Protein backbone atom coordinates (compact mmCIF):
# COMPACT_ATOMS: atom_id res chain seq x y z
CA MET A 1 16.62 -48.17 -34.95
CA LYS A 2 20.29 -47.71 -35.81
CA LYS A 3 21.49 -49.91 -38.64
CA LYS A 4 23.90 -52.67 -37.59
CA THR A 5 27.32 -52.49 -39.19
CA PHE A 6 29.78 -55.32 -39.77
CA CYS A 7 33.54 -54.89 -40.16
CA CYS A 8 36.63 -57.04 -40.67
CA ILE A 9 40.29 -55.91 -40.64
CA ILE A 10 42.56 -58.25 -42.58
CA PRO A 11 46.35 -58.01 -43.04
CA ILE A 12 47.63 -59.48 -46.31
CA ILE A 13 51.01 -61.04 -45.59
CA GLY A 14 53.71 -63.01 -47.37
CA LYS A 15 57.27 -62.77 -48.62
CA THR A 16 58.26 -60.18 -51.22
CA ASN A 17 56.99 -60.40 -54.81
CA VAL A 18 54.10 -62.82 -54.26
CA GLY A 19 51.55 -60.28 -55.54
CA LYS A 20 50.12 -58.80 -52.32
CA SER A 21 49.78 -55.27 -53.75
CA THR A 22 48.19 -56.51 -56.98
CA LEU A 23 45.78 -58.58 -54.90
CA ILE A 24 44.59 -55.69 -52.71
CA ASN A 25 44.07 -53.50 -55.80
CA LYS A 26 41.81 -56.18 -57.30
CA LEU A 27 40.01 -56.89 -54.01
CA ILE A 28 38.89 -53.29 -53.52
CA LYS A 29 38.57 -52.61 -57.27
CA LYS A 30 40.77 -49.52 -57.03
CA LYS A 31 44.50 -49.06 -57.49
CA ILE A 32 45.85 -47.87 -54.14
CA SER A 33 49.10 -49.84 -53.88
CA ILE A 34 51.91 -49.70 -56.42
CA THR A 35 53.25 -52.82 -58.12
CA SER A 36 56.58 -53.77 -59.68
CA LYS A 37 58.68 -56.83 -60.46
CA LYS A 38 61.39 -55.30 -58.27
CA THR A 39 61.47 -56.50 -54.64
CA ASN A 40 60.55 -54.41 -51.58
CA VAL A 41 58.39 -51.93 -53.48
CA THR A 42 55.76 -51.63 -50.71
CA LEU A 43 57.53 -49.71 -47.94
CA ASN A 44 54.60 -48.98 -45.61
CA PRO A 45 51.30 -50.72 -44.83
CA VAL A 46 48.54 -49.48 -47.15
CA TYR A 47 44.88 -49.80 -46.13
CA GLY A 48 42.27 -50.66 -48.74
CA ILE A 49 38.60 -50.26 -47.80
CA LEU A 50 35.72 -52.11 -49.44
CA ASP A 51 32.08 -51.36 -48.59
CA LYS A 52 29.00 -53.40 -49.42
CA ASP A 53 25.65 -52.47 -47.87
CA ASN A 54 26.34 -52.33 -44.12
CA TYR A 55 29.54 -54.36 -44.40
CA ARG A 56 33.06 -52.92 -44.44
CA ILE A 57 36.27 -54.83 -45.14
CA ILE A 58 39.62 -53.20 -44.39
CA TYR A 59 42.49 -54.97 -46.13
CA ILE A 60 46.06 -54.09 -45.15
CA ASP A 61 48.74 -54.47 -47.80
CA THR A 62 51.87 -55.16 -45.74
CA PRO A 63 55.48 -54.94 -46.96
CA GLY A 64 57.19 -58.26 -47.63
CA ILE A 65 58.52 -59.79 -44.42
CA THR A 66 62.31 -59.51 -44.33
CA ILE A 67 64.09 -62.79 -43.59
CA ARG A 68 67.85 -63.34 -43.26
CA ASN A 69 69.72 -66.49 -42.31
CA ASN A 70 66.39 -68.34 -42.00
CA LYS A 71 65.14 -65.89 -39.36
CA ILE A 72 62.69 -62.99 -39.38
CA ILE A 73 64.99 -60.09 -38.56
CA SER A 74 64.11 -57.65 -35.80
CA CYS A 75 63.35 -54.34 -37.50
CA LYS A 76 60.62 -51.72 -37.35
CA LYS A 77 58.94 -52.97 -40.54
CA ASN A 78 58.75 -56.61 -39.40
CA ARG A 79 57.57 -55.64 -35.90
CA LEU A 80 54.76 -53.60 -37.45
CA ILE A 81 53.68 -56.53 -39.66
CA LEU A 82 53.75 -58.97 -36.73
CA ASN A 83 51.73 -56.53 -34.65
CA HIS A 84 49.07 -56.38 -37.39
CA ILE A 85 48.89 -60.18 -37.36
CA LYS A 86 48.69 -60.41 -33.56
CA ASN A 87 45.82 -57.91 -33.41
CA SER A 88 43.77 -59.50 -36.21
CA LYS A 89 41.24 -62.31 -36.15
CA LEU A 90 41.76 -63.12 -39.82
CA VAL A 91 44.92 -63.05 -41.95
CA ILE A 92 45.42 -63.64 -45.68
CA PHE A 93 48.67 -65.50 -46.41
CA VAL A 94 49.75 -65.16 -50.05
CA VAL A 95 52.17 -67.56 -51.75
CA ASN A 96 53.60 -67.64 -55.25
CA GLY A 97 51.93 -70.55 -57.04
CA ILE A 98 53.55 -73.87 -56.18
CA LEU A 99 56.92 -72.26 -55.39
CA TRP A 100 56.92 -73.05 -51.67
CA GLU A 101 60.24 -71.87 -50.21
CA LYS A 102 61.99 -71.66 -46.84
CA ASP A 103 60.76 -68.08 -46.34
CA ASP A 104 57.15 -69.28 -46.71
CA GLU A 105 57.83 -71.96 -44.11
CA ILE A 106 59.22 -69.40 -41.66
CA ILE A 107 56.23 -67.06 -42.10
CA LEU A 108 53.85 -70.00 -41.66
CA SER A 109 55.56 -70.96 -38.40
CA ILE A 110 54.90 -67.44 -37.10
CA ILE A 111 51.20 -67.25 -38.01
CA SER A 112 50.53 -70.82 -36.85
CA ASN A 113 51.32 -69.64 -33.30
CA MET A 114 48.88 -66.74 -33.54
CA LYS A 115 45.24 -67.04 -32.48
CA CYS A 116 43.72 -66.03 -35.80
CA SER A 117 42.01 -67.61 -38.79
CA VAL A 118 44.23 -67.93 -41.87
CA PHE A 119 43.15 -67.85 -45.50
CA LEU A 120 45.76 -69.29 -47.85
CA VAL A 121 45.82 -67.57 -51.25
CA ILE A 122 47.76 -69.41 -53.93
CA ASN A 123 48.47 -66.65 -56.43
CA LYS A 124 49.77 -66.64 -60.01
CA ILE A 125 47.95 -69.82 -60.99
CA ASP A 126 47.99 -68.52 -64.58
CA ASN A 127 51.69 -69.50 -64.59
CA ILE A 128 50.86 -73.13 -63.78
CA LYS A 129 50.23 -75.13 -66.94
CA ASP A 130 49.18 -78.40 -65.30
CA LYS A 131 46.38 -77.42 -62.88
CA LYS A 132 46.05 -81.05 -61.72
CA ILE A 133 49.03 -80.59 -59.41
CA LEU A 134 47.26 -77.91 -57.36
CA LEU A 135 45.10 -80.20 -55.21
CA PRO A 136 47.97 -82.54 -54.21
CA TYR A 137 50.02 -79.41 -53.45
CA VAL A 138 47.29 -78.04 -51.16
CA SER A 139 47.02 -81.42 -49.41
CA ILE A 140 50.72 -81.16 -48.53
CA LEU A 141 50.30 -77.59 -47.24
CA LYS A 142 47.26 -78.51 -45.15
CA LYS A 143 49.43 -81.00 -43.27
CA LYS A 144 51.55 -78.03 -42.21
CA MET A 145 48.53 -75.99 -41.07
CA ASN A 146 44.78 -76.42 -41.13
CA PHE A 147 43.91 -73.32 -43.18
CA ASP A 148 40.36 -72.02 -42.75
CA GLU A 149 40.03 -71.41 -46.49
CA VAL A 150 42.20 -71.96 -49.58
CA PHE A 151 41.85 -69.84 -52.73
CA PHE A 152 43.44 -70.24 -56.16
CA VAL A 153 43.72 -66.87 -57.90
CA SER A 154 45.49 -64.89 -60.57
CA ALA A 155 45.58 -61.41 -59.02
CA LYS A 156 47.21 -59.93 -62.12
CA LYS A 157 44.32 -61.07 -64.33
CA GLY A 158 41.68 -60.66 -61.62
CA LYS A 159 40.68 -64.32 -61.84
CA PHE A 160 38.73 -65.77 -58.87
CA VAL A 161 39.68 -62.81 -56.62
CA GLU A 162 36.03 -62.01 -55.90
CA ASN A 163 35.71 -65.43 -54.21
CA ILE A 164 37.86 -64.04 -51.39
CA ASN A 165 35.59 -61.02 -50.88
CA ASN A 166 32.49 -63.21 -50.82
CA VAL A 167 33.85 -65.40 -48.00
CA VAL A 168 35.29 -62.45 -46.07
CA PHE A 169 31.92 -60.67 -46.05
CA ARG A 170 30.40 -63.76 -44.44
CA LYS A 171 33.15 -63.79 -41.80
CA SER A 172 32.64 -60.12 -40.84
CA GLU A 173 31.59 -59.41 -37.26
CA LEU A 174 29.19 -56.90 -35.76
CA PHE A 175 31.45 -53.89 -35.36
CA LYS A 176 31.56 -50.11 -35.71
CA HIS A 177 33.00 -48.92 -39.04
CA PHE A 178 36.38 -47.25 -39.18
CA PHE A 179 36.95 -44.26 -41.53
CA LYS A 180 34.31 -42.15 -43.26
CA ASN A 181 31.90 -43.44 -45.89
CA GLU A 182 33.12 -43.59 -49.52
CA VAL A 183 36.75 -43.76 -48.38
CA PHE A 184 38.79 -46.52 -50.03
CA THR A 185 42.21 -45.98 -48.40
CA ASN A 186 43.70 -44.41 -45.29
CA GLN A 187 46.45 -42.70 -47.28
CA SER A 188 46.58 -38.97 -48.06
CA ASN A 189 46.28 -37.61 -51.60
CA GLU A 190 49.94 -36.59 -51.47
CA PHE A 191 51.01 -40.12 -50.51
CA ILE A 192 48.99 -41.61 -53.36
CA VAL A 193 50.53 -39.19 -55.89
CA THR A 194 54.11 -39.89 -54.77
CA GLU A 195 53.42 -43.65 -54.88
CA ILE A 196 52.11 -43.38 -58.46
CA ILE A 197 55.26 -41.50 -59.51
CA ARG A 198 57.43 -44.04 -57.65
CA GLU A 199 55.71 -46.89 -59.49
CA LYS A 200 56.52 -45.29 -62.86
CA LEU A 201 60.15 -44.90 -61.81
CA PHE A 202 60.28 -48.62 -61.01
CA ARG A 203 58.52 -49.51 -64.26
CA PHE A 204 60.62 -47.47 -66.69
CA LEU A 205 64.02 -47.60 -65.02
CA GLY A 206 64.02 -51.26 -63.93
CA ASP A 207 67.34 -52.41 -62.51
CA GLU A 208 68.85 -48.98 -63.21
CA LEU A 209 66.69 -47.46 -60.46
CA PRO A 210 68.54 -46.70 -57.21
CA TYR A 211 66.44 -47.49 -54.13
CA ILE A 212 67.46 -44.22 -52.49
CA ILE A 213 65.37 -42.11 -54.85
CA ARG A 214 62.97 -39.80 -52.99
CA ILE A 215 59.99 -37.82 -54.24
CA PHE A 216 58.80 -34.47 -52.89
CA LEU A 217 55.71 -32.53 -53.87
CA ASN A 218 56.45 -28.81 -53.79
CA TYR A 219 52.96 -27.98 -54.97
CA PHE A 220 49.84 -30.10 -55.44
CA ILE A 221 46.30 -28.78 -55.65
CA LEU A 222 43.15 -30.51 -56.89
CA CYS A 223 40.68 -28.26 -58.73
CA ARG A 224 37.13 -28.99 -59.89
CA ARG A 225 36.60 -26.26 -62.48
CA ARG A 226 40.09 -25.90 -63.88
CA LYS A 227 43.14 -28.12 -64.32
CA SER A 228 44.75 -29.40 -61.14
CA LYS A 229 48.44 -28.60 -60.68
CA LEU A 230 51.38 -30.71 -59.56
CA TYR A 231 55.01 -29.69 -59.21
CA GLY A 232 57.25 -32.47 -57.94
CA ILE A 233 60.93 -33.12 -57.38
CA ILE A 234 62.65 -36.47 -57.81
CA LEU A 235 65.68 -36.37 -55.53
CA VAL A 236 68.74 -38.53 -56.24
CA LYS A 237 72.19 -38.75 -54.65
CA THR A 238 74.57 -38.45 -57.62
CA ASN A 239 74.78 -36.80 -61.03
CA ASN A 240 75.04 -40.25 -62.60
CA GLN A 241 71.69 -41.22 -61.05
CA LYS A 242 70.22 -37.96 -62.34
CA LYS A 243 71.31 -38.83 -65.89
CA ILE A 244 69.71 -42.29 -65.57
CA VAL A 245 66.37 -40.86 -64.47
CA ILE A 246 66.34 -38.15 -67.15
CA GLY A 247 67.47 -40.48 -69.94
CA ARG A 248 68.86 -39.62 -73.35
CA SER A 249 67.38 -36.31 -74.55
CA GLY A 250 65.04 -36.44 -71.56
CA ASN A 251 63.11 -39.45 -72.94
CA LYS A 252 62.86 -41.31 -69.58
CA ILE A 253 61.59 -38.41 -67.47
CA LYS A 254 59.13 -37.44 -70.23
CA LYS A 255 57.69 -40.97 -70.25
CA ILE A 256 57.59 -41.12 -66.42
CA THR A 257 55.82 -37.73 -66.30
CA TYR A 258 53.31 -38.68 -69.00
CA GLU A 259 52.39 -42.06 -67.45
CA SER A 260 52.19 -40.54 -63.96
CA LYS A 261 49.87 -37.85 -65.30
CA LYS A 262 47.53 -40.46 -66.83
CA ASP A 263 47.23 -42.48 -63.61
CA ILE A 264 46.83 -39.46 -61.34
CA GLU A 265 44.10 -38.05 -63.60
CA LYS A 266 42.33 -41.41 -63.61
CA PHE A 267 42.59 -41.83 -59.83
CA PHE A 268 41.23 -38.37 -58.94
CA SER A 269 39.01 -37.91 -62.03
CA ARG A 270 40.66 -34.53 -62.64
CA LYS A 271 42.65 -33.03 -65.51
CA LEU A 272 46.21 -32.25 -64.45
CA ASN A 273 49.15 -30.01 -65.32
CA ILE A 274 52.26 -31.80 -64.07
CA LYS A 275 55.95 -30.92 -63.93
CA LEU A 276 58.61 -33.25 -62.54
CA LEU A 277 62.21 -32.14 -62.00
CA VAL A 278 65.20 -34.31 -61.15
CA LYS A 279 67.66 -32.86 -58.66
CA VAL A 280 70.79 -34.06 -56.87
CA GLN A 281 70.55 -33.96 -53.09
CA ASN A 282 72.94 -31.44 -51.55
């Protein structure tokens, strides 16, 4: 008799910088989505897959919903996020601690009209000194919408994140599994590598980093018996941007290359020879 399989596809939504990418990394216990204090770091939906026995959970890390003049603007990114919500039976709505803002209200008004269960995840509780205010805060939010579940977590520190997985597994429905076994993301190896490099650019350049930076992999091969090889190009628009990325005496690009190498080696469990060049787009 064929073994029954259970599956649940869950978009993780919210405004920018509430910790959605950090949360999905902790939920699936693998770093698949880059994180930064800078806004709009996640550009495309990233799928994270968690298996347990005959259960499979597919989390979707969505970009922050773009809101202008108190309205969700009509753009390809927002339409894609809304489509994920519309086609899902369960959504995780992430908010930043007790900092409830107008953007949260607008997102809530959208999901409240959808026919799906909603889990509210109050993230960054490690930043709240007086935890006694959390329950009154939730009581106020529950008057806005009757959330199916409410979780208090610190995604950055991994506190109480597993509570979400435990409840989600119970909510999973009898369904055929998507993707092959032992797969933990839908993204290609090349995408993962470029995202790791992009994260290091965000981390070490901070506000100096121009958003228009692009990364190309001229050569990337994973080897089992010898060192893997990576040759990448960081493409910028001006010579001034090139100087920023390289840094004085090449200190910035050396640090970016070294930290990228460490994370790529850890992710693929392979030793790596890496070379990153910075070029100005013609």
